[in-house]
Amino acid sequence: MSLLPEAPEIAPRIVPNAEALKTLAAYGEFLAGPGVDRGLIGPREVPRLWDRHLLNCAVAAELVPAGAQVIDVGSGAGLPGMVWAIVRPDLRVICLEPLQRRTTFLEEIVDELALAGQVRVVRARAEDVVRGRGPVTSLRAGVVTARAVAALDKLVNWTVPLLEPGGVLLALKGRSAPEEIQAARDTLSRLGVDEVEIVECGVGEIDPPTTVVRAWRAR
């Protein structure tokens, strides 16, 4: 019996590729089953996995440049990195996550969904990578993302240094995004971020739309 609710009518419009939508549903089943059993997803989130998690992440994939390499910082259960890999097969995604039980879960998803050629799971703390500590010290990408990891003032210290010059941070945020940007202004400037904006993705498709803070690292 399926644990994942039926996909909403809007899903095929957001993910028009039928095979990708099928894979996204399989990922959702994994979240609703083992994800809940292992404490990566709260049981109360299962009824709204499509609206608040899968499609919430999928609509933001449009902001990722074609063919980009993406680092998903604090990937957790794979949101948004795993979703972006599924709906955008042109991307190469690194799921960066420090906890063993979560990286094991992510590796199982990669095997289950045959994403080995597209998704790489790396167990490390982003701040250790940035500071050159530990076994992983050389990760860089044109796009870095994070969802529900930390307030922007802290988050940018762990994400912007992972960007290649001219790269873009896509931080999935909520209604507090304007206040978080204001609080992070000095830190953003120090890190060489010269442009920041708020983008609403999925307007008229999902409610609420996905709020993304988009910030560019100077070249």
Protein backbone atom coordinates (compact mmCIF):
# COMPACT_ATOMS: atom_id res chain seq x y z
CA MET A 1 0.00 0.00 0.00
CA SER A 2 1.28 3.42 -0.92
CA LEU A 3 2.14 5.70 1.99
CA LEU A 4 2.47 8.75 -0.25
CA PRO A 5 -0.73 10.67 -1.03
CA GLU A 6 -1.78 10.84 -4.67
CA ALA A 7 0.02 13.53 -6.63
CA PRO A 8 -2.02 16.74 -6.94
CA GLU A 9 -3.40 17.74 -10.34
CA ILE A 10 -0.79 20.48 -10.63
CA ALA A 11 2.13 18.03 -10.43
CA PRO A 12 2.31 17.15 -14.18
CA ARG A 13 2.40 20.85 -15.05
CA ILE A 14 5.31 21.48 -12.67
CA VAL A 15 7.09 18.26 -13.72
CA PRO A 16 5.91 17.67 -17.31
CA ASN A 17 8.34 14.80 -17.95
CA ALA A 18 6.33 11.69 -17.08
CA GLU A 19 9.38 9.60 -16.22
CA ALA A 20 10.76 12.30 -13.93
CA LEU A 21 7.38 12.59 -12.20
CA LYS A 22 7.32 8.82 -11.69
CA THR A 23 10.81 8.96 -10.16
CA LEU A 24 9.79 11.89 -7.97
CA ALA A 25 6.86 9.84 -6.67
CA ALA A 26 9.22 6.95 -5.91
CA TYR A 27 11.41 9.33 -3.94
CA GLY A 28 8.32 10.56 -2.10
CA GLU A 29 7.48 6.98 -1.16
CA PHE A 30 10.97 6.60 0.25
CA LEU A 31 10.48 9.74 2.34
CA ALA A 32 7.05 8.60 3.56
CA GLY A 33 8.34 5.15 4.53
CA PRO A 34 12.01 4.82 5.57
CA GLY A 35 12.29 8.61 5.91
CA VAL A 36 9.66 8.64 8.65
CA ASP A 37 10.85 5.39 10.24
CA ARG A 38 14.37 6.82 10.61
CA GLY A 39 13.27 10.22 11.87
CA LEU A 40 14.27 12.25 8.80
CA ILE A 41 10.69 13.26 8.05
CA GLY A 42 8.03 13.89 10.69
CA PRO A 43 4.91 11.70 10.39
CA ARG A 44 2.74 14.81 10.19
CA GLU A 45 4.58 15.84 7.03
CA VAL A 46 3.49 12.79 5.04
CA PRO A 47 0.05 14.17 3.99
CA ARG A 48 1.72 17.30 2.63
CA LEU A 49 4.85 15.79 1.12
CA TRP A 50 3.80 16.78 -2.38
CA ASP A 51 2.77 20.38 -1.71
CA ARG A 52 5.20 21.44 1.01
CA HIS A 53 8.26 19.44 0.06
CA LEU A 54 8.45 17.78 -3.37
CA LEU A 55 6.75 20.45 -5.46
CA ASN A 56 7.99 23.22 -3.18
CA CYS A 57 11.52 22.23 -4.21
CA ALA A 58 10.69 21.34 -7.81
CA VAL A 59 9.40 24.80 -8.73
CA ALA A 60 12.72 26.35 -7.67
CA ALA A 61 14.71 24.17 -10.06
CA GLU A 62 13.95 26.68 -12.81
CA LEU A 63 16.45 29.06 -11.20
CA VAL A 64 19.38 26.67 -11.69
CA PRO A 65 21.45 27.37 -14.82
CA ALA A 66 21.61 24.62 -17.44
CA GLY A 67 24.25 21.96 -16.85
CA ALA A 68 25.25 23.34 -13.46
CA GLN A 69 26.96 21.50 -10.65
CA VAL A 70 25.04 22.02 -7.42
CA ILE A 71 26.07 21.58 -3.79
CA ASP A 72 23.12 21.00 -1.47
CA VAL A 73 24.39 22.03 1.97
CA GLY A 74 22.87 20.22 4.94
CA SER A 75 20.99 18.02 2.51
CA GLY A 76 19.22 16.00 5.21
CA ALA A 77 16.66 13.82 3.44
CA GLY A 78 17.68 15.27 0.06
CA LEU A 79 15.59 18.44 -0.16
CA PRO A 80 16.07 20.22 -2.48
CA GLY A 81 19.10 18.52 -4.05
CA MET A 82 17.57 15.13 -4.77
CA VAL A 83 14.42 16.72 -6.20
CA TRP A 84 16.46 18.95 -8.49
CA ALA A 85 18.46 15.98 -9.73
CA ILE A 86 15.25 14.12 -10.55
CA VAL A 87 13.47 16.94 -12.38
CA ARG A 88 16.64 18.33 -14.01
CA PRO A 89 18.75 15.47 -15.43
CA ASP A 90 21.20 18.03 -16.85
CA LEU A 91 22.39 18.86 -13.33
CA ARG A 92 25.09 17.22 -11.23
CA VAL A 93 24.28 17.36 -7.53
CA ILE A 94 26.46 16.93 -4.45
CA CYS A 95 24.45 16.22 -1.29
CA LEU A 96 26.65 17.54 1.52
CA GLU A 97 25.51 16.19 4.89
CA PRO A 98 27.46 15.59 8.14
CA LEU A 99 25.31 12.93 9.83
CA GLN A 100 25.97 9.28 9.06
CA ARG A 101 22.35 8.12 9.28
CA ARG A 102 21.34 10.78 6.78
CA THR A 103 24.14 10.06 4.31
CA THR A 104 23.26 6.36 4.49
CA PHE A 105 19.65 7.25 3.68
CA LEU A 106 20.74 9.45 0.76
CA GLU A 107 23.03 6.74 -0.62
CA GLU A 108 20.15 4.26 -0.51
CA ILE A 109 17.99 6.70 -2.48
CA VAL A 110 20.73 7.13 -5.07
CA ASP A 111 20.90 3.35 -5.51
CA GLU A 112 17.13 2.85 -5.45
CA LEU A 113 16.47 5.56 -8.06
CA ALA A 114 19.54 4.82 -10.21
CA LEU A 115 20.99 8.31 -9.73
CA ALA A 116 24.60 7.23 -9.23
CA GLY A 117 25.80 9.01 -12.35
CA GLN A 118 24.18 12.26 -11.31
CA VAL A 119 24.16 12.51 -7.49
CA ARG A 120 27.15 12.24 -5.18
CA VAL A 121 26.72 11.99 -1.41
CA VAL A 122 29.50 13.53 0.69
CA ARG A 123 29.61 13.20 4.46
CA ALA A 124 31.12 16.41 5.84
CA ARG A 125 30.23 19.64 7.61
CA ALA A 126 30.09 22.57 5.22
CA GLU A 127 31.97 24.78 7.69
CA ASP A 128 34.80 22.23 7.86
CA VAL A 129 35.04 22.11 4.07
CA VAL A 130 35.16 25.92 3.96
CA ARG A 131 37.92 26.04 6.60
CA GLY A 132 39.94 23.27 4.96
CA ARG A 133 39.47 20.86 7.84
CA GLY A 134 38.77 17.16 7.58
CA PRO A 135 38.99 14.81 4.60
CA VAL A 136 36.94 16.94 2.17
CA THR A 137 38.48 20.34 1.44
CA SER A 138 38.05 21.10 -2.25
CA LEU A 139 34.33 21.23 -3.05
CA ARG A 140 33.28 24.09 -5.32
CA ALA A 141 30.27 24.57 -7.57
CA GLY A 142 28.50 27.12 -9.70
CA VAL A 143 25.36 26.76 -7.57
CA VAL A 144 25.00 26.19 -3.83
CA THR A 145 21.65 25.65 -2.16
CA ALA A 146 20.22 25.00 1.29
CA ARG A 147 16.76 24.55 2.76
CA ALA A 148 15.82 24.90 6.44
CA VAL A 149 19.45 24.83 7.58
CA ALA A 150 20.10 28.14 9.38
CA ALA A 151 19.36 31.86 9.37
CA LEU A 152 20.89 33.58 6.36
CA ASP A 153 23.50 35.46 8.41
CA LYS A 154 25.00 32.12 9.47
CA LEU A 155 24.20 30.21 6.32
CA VAL A 156 26.16 32.44 3.97
CA ASN A 157 29.38 31.72 5.90
CA TRP A 158 28.99 28.04 5.02
CA THR A 159 27.71 28.39 1.47
CA VAL A 160 29.15 31.42 -0.32
CA PRO A 161 32.79 30.23 0.07
CA LEU A 162 31.77 27.01 -1.75
CA LEU A 163 30.72 29.03 -4.80
CA GLU A 164 32.92 29.44 -7.81
CA PRO A 165 33.51 33.10 -8.78
CA GLY A 166 30.32 34.32 -10.40
CA GLY A 167 28.35 31.46 -8.84
CA VAL A 168 24.92 31.77 -7.28
CA LEU A 169 23.48 30.86 -3.89
CA LEU A 170 19.85 29.71 -3.98
CA ALA A 171 18.63 29.58 -0.38
CA LEU A 172 15.07 28.33 0.05
CA LYS A 173 13.52 30.49 2.73
CA GLY A 174 10.17 31.57 4.18
CA ARG A 175 8.41 34.81 4.93
CA SER A 176 11.32 36.09 7.02
CA ALA A 177 13.55 36.35 3.93
CA PRO A 178 13.58 40.19 3.78
CA GLU A 179 14.54 40.47 7.44
CA GLU A 180 17.19 37.77 7.08
CA ILE A 181 18.76 39.57 4.13
CA GLN A 182 18.88 42.81 6.08
CA ALA A 183 20.53 41.09 9.05
CA ALA A 184 23.10 39.46 6.75
CA ARG A 185 24.08 42.56 4.75
CA ASP A 186 27.49 43.05 6.37
CA THR A 187 28.35 39.36 6.13
CA LEU A 188 27.28 39.19 2.49
CA SER A 189 29.41 42.21 1.65
CA ARG A 190 32.43 40.72 3.43
CA LEU A 191 32.05 37.50 1.45
CA GLY A 192 31.98 39.29 -1.89
CA VAL A 193 28.28 39.02 -2.64
CA ASP A 194 27.40 42.00 -4.81
CA GLU A 195 23.77 41.29 -5.68
CA VAL A 196 20.89 39.77 -3.68
CA GLU A 197 17.23 39.37 -4.56
CA ILE A 198 14.13 37.48 -3.47
CA VAL A 199 12.40 35.31 -6.07
CA GLU A 200 8.97 33.72 -5.67
CA CYS A 201 8.73 30.42 -7.55
CA GLY A 202 5.50 28.57 -8.36
CA VAL A 203 3.21 31.59 -8.06
CA GLY A 204 -0.28 30.48 -9.05
CA GLU A 205 0.77 26.83 -8.90
CA ILE A 206 1.56 26.06 -5.25
CA ASP A 207 0.38 27.81 -2.11
CA PRO A 208 2.41 29.34 -0.66
CA PRO A 209 4.95 29.87 -3.44
CA THR A 210 8.56 28.95 -2.76
CA THR A 211 10.63 31.89 -1.55
CA VAL A 212 14.23 31.81 -2.73
CA VAL A 213 17.02 34.19 -1.76
CA ARG A 214 19.26 34.42 -4.81
CA ALA A 215 22.74 35.87 -4.23
CA TRP A 216 25.67 36.12 -6.62
CA ARG A 217 29.31 35.87 -5.65
CA ALA A 218 31.43 38.46 -7.41
CA ARG A 219 33.66 37.20 -10.20
